[in-house]
Protein backbone atom coordinates (compact mmCIF):
# COMPACT_ATOMS: atom_id res chain seq x y z
CA MET A 1 34.02 18.16 -10.28
CA ILE A 2 30.38 18.88 -10.80
CA ALA A 3 28.12 17.04 -8.30
CA ILE A 4 24.81 15.92 -9.57
CA ILE A 5 22.71 15.15 -6.40
CA ASP A 6 21.16 11.78 -6.46
CA TYR A 7 18.08 11.74 -4.18
CA GLY A 8 16.19 9.04 -6.20
CA MET A 9 14.01 11.37 -8.18
CA GLY A 10 15.22 12.14 -11.69
CA ASN A 11 16.78 10.89 -14.85
CA LEU A 12 20.26 11.70 -13.60
CA ARG A 13 22.26 9.90 -16.40
CA SER A 14 20.67 12.16 -18.97
CA VAL A 15 21.74 15.35 -17.03
CA GLN A 16 25.10 13.76 -16.53
CA LYS A 17 25.65 12.88 -20.19
CA ALA A 18 24.56 16.34 -21.43
CA LEU A 19 27.05 17.98 -18.96
CA GLU A 20 29.84 15.67 -20.11
CA SER A 21 28.99 16.44 -23.72
CA GLU A 22 29.59 20.18 -22.91
CA GLY A 23 33.04 19.56 -21.24
CA ALA A 24 32.21 18.43 -17.66
CA VAL A 25 34.01 15.18 -17.89
CA ASP A 26 34.08 14.84 -13.98
CA ALA A 27 30.38 15.46 -13.57
CA LYS A 28 29.46 12.87 -10.74
CA ILE A 29 26.12 11.40 -9.68
CA THR A 30 26.49 11.28 -6.01
CA GLN A 31 24.64 11.06 -2.54
CA ASP A 32 27.77 11.65 -0.69
CA VAL A 33 27.90 14.81 1.39
CA THR A 34 31.69 15.05 1.23
CA ASP A 35 31.37 15.00 -2.64
CA ILE A 36 28.85 17.82 -2.53
CA GLN A 37 31.02 19.88 -0.22
CA GLN A 38 34.09 19.49 -2.34
CA ALA A 39 32.44 20.11 -5.72
CA GLU A 40 33.15 23.05 -7.79
CA LYS A 41 29.49 23.37 -9.01
CA ILE A 42 26.33 21.61 -7.86
CA VAL A 43 23.33 20.37 -9.90
CA LEU A 44 20.07 19.43 -8.15
CA PRO A 45 17.78 17.77 -10.86
CA GLY A 46 14.47 16.02 -10.15
CA VAL A 47 10.99 14.96 -11.29
CA GLY A 48 8.16 14.19 -9.15
CA ALA A 49 6.50 15.60 -5.99
CA ILE A 50 8.15 17.98 -3.55
CA GLN A 51 7.12 16.10 -0.28
CA PRO A 52 8.79 12.79 -1.07
CA ALA A 53 11.75 14.79 -2.50
CA MET A 54 12.24 16.65 0.81
CA GLU A 55 11.78 13.52 2.75
CA LYS A 56 14.54 11.89 0.86
CA LEU A 57 16.87 14.82 1.07
CA GLU A 58 16.41 14.91 4.97
CA SER A 59 16.80 11.16 5.15
CA LEU A 60 20.20 11.43 3.15
CA ASN A 61 21.15 14.31 5.28
CA ILE A 62 22.08 16.43 2.17
CA ILE A 63 20.07 19.50 3.05
CA PRO A 64 22.83 21.23 5.34
CA ALA A 65 25.47 20.50 2.57
CA ILE A 66 23.21 22.05 -0.10
CA LYS A 67 22.74 25.24 1.90
CA GLU A 68 26.48 25.39 2.85
CA THR A 69 27.58 25.12 -0.69
CA ILE A 70 25.27 27.76 -1.72
CA ASN A 71 26.24 29.99 1.06
CA SER A 72 29.94 29.46 -0.14
CA GLY A 73 29.25 31.14 -3.47
CA LYS A 74 29.46 28.01 -5.63
CA PRO A 75 27.49 27.89 -8.75
CA PHE A 76 24.27 25.97 -7.96
CA LEU A 77 21.69 24.84 -10.84
CA GLY A 78 18.25 23.52 -9.87
CA ILE A 79 16.43 21.70 -12.69
CA CYS A 80 12.53 20.99 -12.74
CA LEU A 81 11.75 19.69 -9.31
CA GLY A 82 15.16 20.69 -8.16
CA PHE A 83 14.23 24.21 -9.16
CA GLN A 84 10.92 24.04 -7.32
CA LEU A 85 12.72 22.82 -4.17
CA LEU A 86 14.72 26.03 -3.92
CA PHE A 87 11.70 28.03 -2.73
CA GLU A 88 9.84 28.25 0.68
CA LYS A 89 6.85 26.10 0.02
CA SER A 90 4.57 24.40 -2.42
CA ASN A 91 0.82 23.87 -2.41
CA GLU A 92 1.54 20.42 -3.95
CA GLY A 93 -0.14 17.96 -1.58
CA GLY A 94 -1.19 20.60 0.89
CA ASN A 95 1.48 23.07 2.04
CA VAL A 96 4.81 21.50 1.93
CA GLU A 97 7.99 23.27 2.89
CA GLY A 98 10.76 23.53 0.61
CA LEU A 99 14.42 24.33 1.11
CA GLY A 100 13.59 28.04 1.59
CA ILE A 101 16.87 29.11 -0.13
CA LEU A 102 14.64 31.72 -2.23
CA GLN A 103 11.45 33.35 -1.23
CA GLY A 104 8.41 32.33 -2.91
CA GLU A 105 6.04 29.50 -3.41
CA VAL A 106 5.13 26.74 -5.98
CA LYS A 107 1.50 26.80 -7.18
CA LYS A 108 -0.51 24.50 -9.42
CA PHE A 109 -1.71 25.73 -12.75
CA SER A 110 -5.33 26.29 -13.23
CA PRO A 111 -7.54 23.29 -13.82
CA GLN A 112 -8.84 24.95 -17.00
CA LEU A 113 -5.36 24.32 -18.45
CA LYS A 114 -4.13 21.00 -19.73
CA VAL A 115 -1.68 19.65 -17.13
CA PRO A 116 1.11 18.86 -17.02
CA HIS A 117 2.35 21.67 -19.28
CA MET A 118 4.24 19.17 -21.54
CA GLY A 119 6.27 19.86 -24.55
CA TRP A 120 8.13 22.76 -26.31
CA ASN A 121 7.42 26.36 -25.26
CA GLN A 122 9.24 29.72 -25.59
CA LEU A 123 11.64 31.57 -23.23
CA ASN A 124 11.12 35.23 -22.87
CA ILE A 125 14.52 36.45 -21.59
CA LYS A 126 14.34 39.06 -18.90
CA ASN A 127 17.80 39.18 -17.91
CA PRO A 128 20.18 38.83 -21.11
CA ASP A 129 23.16 39.82 -18.98
CA CYS A 130 22.97 36.49 -16.96
CA PRO A 131 25.90 34.31 -18.03
CA LEU A 132 23.58 31.22 -18.63
CA MET A 133 21.93 33.25 -21.47
CA ASN A 134 25.28 33.83 -23.31
CA GLY A 135 24.47 32.84 -27.11
CA ILE A 136 20.83 32.20 -26.35
CA ALA A 137 18.29 34.15 -28.47
CA ASN A 138 15.13 35.53 -26.97
CA GLN A 139 11.88 33.39 -27.59
CA VAL A 140 13.76 30.08 -28.21
CA ASP A 141 11.89 26.91 -27.55
CA VAL A 142 12.86 24.63 -24.78
CA TYR A 143 11.22 21.26 -23.26
CA PHE A 144 8.84 21.43 -20.34
CA CYS A 145 6.96 18.78 -18.25
CA HIS A 146 5.39 20.14 -15.02
CA SER A 147 2.02 20.71 -13.44
CA TYR A 148 3.37 23.40 -11.05
CA TYR A 149 4.99 26.70 -11.34
CA VAL A 150 7.13 28.98 -9.17
CA VAL A 151 6.11 32.25 -7.98
CA PRO A 152 8.99 34.31 -6.61
CA ASN A 153 8.40 37.03 -3.99
CA LYS A 154 10.95 39.15 -5.79
CA THR A 155 10.20 39.31 -9.63
CA GLU A 156 13.80 40.63 -10.20
CA ILE A 157 15.17 37.38 -9.99
CA SER A 158 13.19 35.95 -12.88
CA LEU A 159 15.72 35.11 -15.69
CA THR A 160 12.93 33.94 -17.99
CA THR A 161 9.27 33.83 -18.20
CA THR A 162 7.11 31.52 -20.35
CA ASP A 163 3.43 31.86 -21.31
CA TYR A 164 1.07 29.00 -20.39
CA GLY A 165 -2.41 30.45 -19.62
CA ILE A 166 -0.30 32.88 -17.49
CA GLU A 167 3.10 34.28 -17.78
CA PHE A 168 5.10 32.14 -15.22
CA THR A 169 8.80 32.33 -14.16
CA SER A 170 10.46 29.53 -16.11
CA ALA A 171 14.04 30.22 -14.91
CA ILE A 172 15.64 32.39 -12.11
CA TYR A 173 19.05 33.92 -11.49
CA LYS A 174 20.30 35.22 -8.12
CA ASP A 175 24.06 35.68 -7.45
CA ASN A 176 25.37 32.12 -7.69
CA ILE A 177 21.97 30.46 -7.84
CA TYR A 178 20.36 29.40 -11.16
CA GLY A 179 17.18 27.48 -11.54
CA MET A 180 15.07 26.41 -14.58
CA GLN A 181 11.70 24.75 -14.81
CA PHE A 182 12.27 23.27 -18.24
CA HIS A 183 14.83 20.39 -18.98
CA PRO A 184 17.87 21.70 -20.66
CA GLU A 185 19.01 18.06 -21.13
CA LYS A 186 15.90 17.50 -23.37
CA SER A 187 15.97 20.84 -25.04
CA GLN A 188 18.45 19.89 -27.77
CA ALA A 189 20.94 22.46 -28.92
CA VAL A 190 19.57 25.36 -26.73
CA GLY A 191 19.59 23.42 -23.58
CA LEU A 192 23.11 22.18 -24.23
CA LYS A 193 24.30 25.70 -24.82
CA ILE A 194 22.79 26.64 -21.35
CA LEU A 195 24.48 23.84 -19.82
CA GLU A 196 27.81 24.75 -21.48
CA ASN A 197 27.40 28.17 -20.15
CA PHE A 198 26.93 26.82 -16.63
CA VAL A 199 30.03 24.40 -16.92
CA LYS A 200 32.18 27.44 -18.07
CA LEU A 201 31.09 29.55 -14.96
């Protein structure tokens, strides 16, 4: 079973449908800690702001289960806000603590840029050996919608970068942890292929 964590911030059904279309017939939207602990893989989606997301995860008592499953080595995928939540802090709304699973912070794009960064943009693949990139060509287009971007402390975890005023980390890969700023469920054939690769892990 793939557990899709429901903390009230994301279009979960579209993620579930995309995973189902790539073979994950048992993908389950859930807030249940036992489901998360027993799942073979975990997906943390999300749209919105980090502070209410952290508050909701805390109120549902899901954070210990997230950390436990990651530490156990199970494949974990964070999407959009779920990707940003993996890091230590965000300057969205002041200085908000994230889950602290990965070292780094979330910063806002320059006010000189049009935000949110919304629409199609290219992936520059930095680690083609990552299993999620199997069958994905360099500089393919995927779909973004975000005003903040991740700055990892260690650039070697950057799986892809994307250019929008600056070159920012648009996906990461470290051990069993995968994260992407773009929306694979909205990125047509490329996004579905990435999700298929995740399902096959």
